[in-house]
């Protein structure tokens, strides 16, 4: 199971994202998916906390949906982090 989470040394992020050359006006962006799963109240509170610190707009999250388990809900959002932010 640990091998599922280890990075593959043969997979380079440079190969899976658009190239960044001087002709491009936009820096590379790397997707990061955030998933919130739990009670509806807990999810809503977390969404508002992330909004309050300026990380994510409420509208960026998918609609809160039940998972099929009693009292459990899920939502997700994808942020795109620039290469400069990744190298810090």
Protein backbone atom coordinates (compact mmCIF):
# COMPACT_ATOMS: atom_id res chain seq x y z
CA UNK A 1 0.00 0.00 0.00
CA UNK A 2 2.88 2.42 0.75
CA UNK A 3 4.03 2.05 -2.83
CA UNK A 4 0.79 3.68 -3.98
CA UNK A 5 1.85 6.95 -2.32
CA UNK A 6 5.53 7.01 -3.26
CA UNK A 7 6.47 9.23 -6.18
CA UNK A 8 7.62 7.48 -9.31
CA UNK A 9 11.17 8.69 -10.08
CA UNK A 10 10.45 8.19 -13.79
CA UNK A 11 7.48 10.57 -13.66
CA UNK A 12 8.57 14.17 -13.81
CA UNK A 13 6.01 16.96 -13.19
CA UNK A 14 7.63 18.79 -16.11
CA UNK A 15 6.33 16.01 -18.39
CA UNK A 16 2.71 16.23 -17.25
CA UNK A 17 2.25 20.00 -17.23
CA UNK A 18 2.38 22.42 -20.16
CA UNK A 19 5.84 23.60 -21.14
CA UNK A 20 7.05 26.92 -19.83
CA UNK A 21 9.04 28.80 -22.42
CA UNK A 22 9.77 32.51 -22.92
CA UNK A 23 6.96 32.81 -25.47
CA UNK A 24 4.35 31.80 -22.89
CA UNK A 25 2.87 34.59 -20.81
CA UNK A 26 1.60 32.30 -18.03
CA UNK A 27 3.73 30.33 -15.53
CA UNK A 28 3.26 26.59 -15.09
CA UNK A 29 0.40 25.58 -12.84
CA UNK A 30 0.14 22.36 -10.85
CA UNK A 31 -3.29 21.07 -9.81
CA UNK A 32 -3.91 20.28 -6.15
CA UNK A 33 -7.25 18.70 -5.30
CA UNK A 34 -8.81 19.30 -1.90
CA UNK A 35 -11.52 16.98 -0.62
CA UNK A 36 -13.59 17.62 2.48
CA UNK A 37 -15.53 14.68 3.87
CA UNK A 38 -17.46 14.69 7.11
CA UNK A 39 -20.54 16.22 8.66
CA UNK A 40 -22.30 18.96 6.71
CA UNK A 41 -21.65 21.43 9.53
CA UNK A 42 -17.96 20.52 9.69
CA UNK A 43 -17.55 20.91 5.94
CA UNK A 44 -19.35 24.27 5.88
CA UNK A 45 -17.23 25.54 8.81
CA UNK A 46 -14.02 24.44 7.07
CA UNK A 47 -15.06 26.07 3.79
CA UNK A 48 -15.74 29.33 5.65
CA UNK A 49 -12.41 29.09 7.52
CA UNK A 50 -10.51 28.67 4.24
CA UNK A 51 -12.43 31.63 2.82
CA UNK A 52 -11.63 33.74 5.90
CA UNK A 53 -7.87 33.25 5.46
CA UNK A 54 -8.15 34.08 1.76
CA UNK A 55 -7.39 30.61 0.41
CA UNK A 56 -10.62 29.67 -1.36
CA UNK A 57 -13.89 31.23 -2.39
CA UNK A 58 -17.01 29.36 -1.32
CA UNK A 59 -18.04 29.19 -4.99
CA UNK A 60 -14.86 27.21 -5.85
CA UNK A 61 -16.15 24.14 -3.99
CA UNK A 62 -18.42 21.59 -5.60
CA UNK A 63 -21.92 21.30 -4.09
CA UNK A 64 -21.94 19.45 -0.76
CA UNK A 65 -23.33 15.98 -1.50
CA UNK A 66 -24.20 13.00 0.73
CA UNK A 67 -21.76 10.08 0.45
CA UNK A 68 -24.30 7.37 1.16
CA UNK A 69 -23.08 6.88 4.73
CA UNK A 70 -25.40 8.28 7.42
CA UNK A 71 -24.46 11.86 8.29
CA UNK A 72 -21.48 11.99 5.94
CA UNK A 73 -21.07 14.52 3.14
CA UNK A 74 -18.35 15.38 0.63
CA UNK A 75 -17.19 18.34 -1.45
CA UNK A 76 -14.07 19.02 -3.50
CA UNK A 77 -12.11 21.80 -5.09
CA UNK A 78 -9.04 22.01 -7.32
CA UNK A 79 -6.53 24.81 -6.84
CA UNK A 80 -3.80 25.50 -9.37
CA UNK A 81 -0.50 26.34 -7.74
CA UNK A 82 2.14 28.15 -9.80
CA UNK A 83 5.63 26.73 -10.12
CA UNK A 84 7.04 29.58 -8.03
CA UNK A 85 4.72 28.64 -5.16
CA UNK A 86 5.77 24.98 -5.45
CA UNK A 87 9.49 25.71 -5.15
CA UNK A 88 9.27 27.54 -1.82
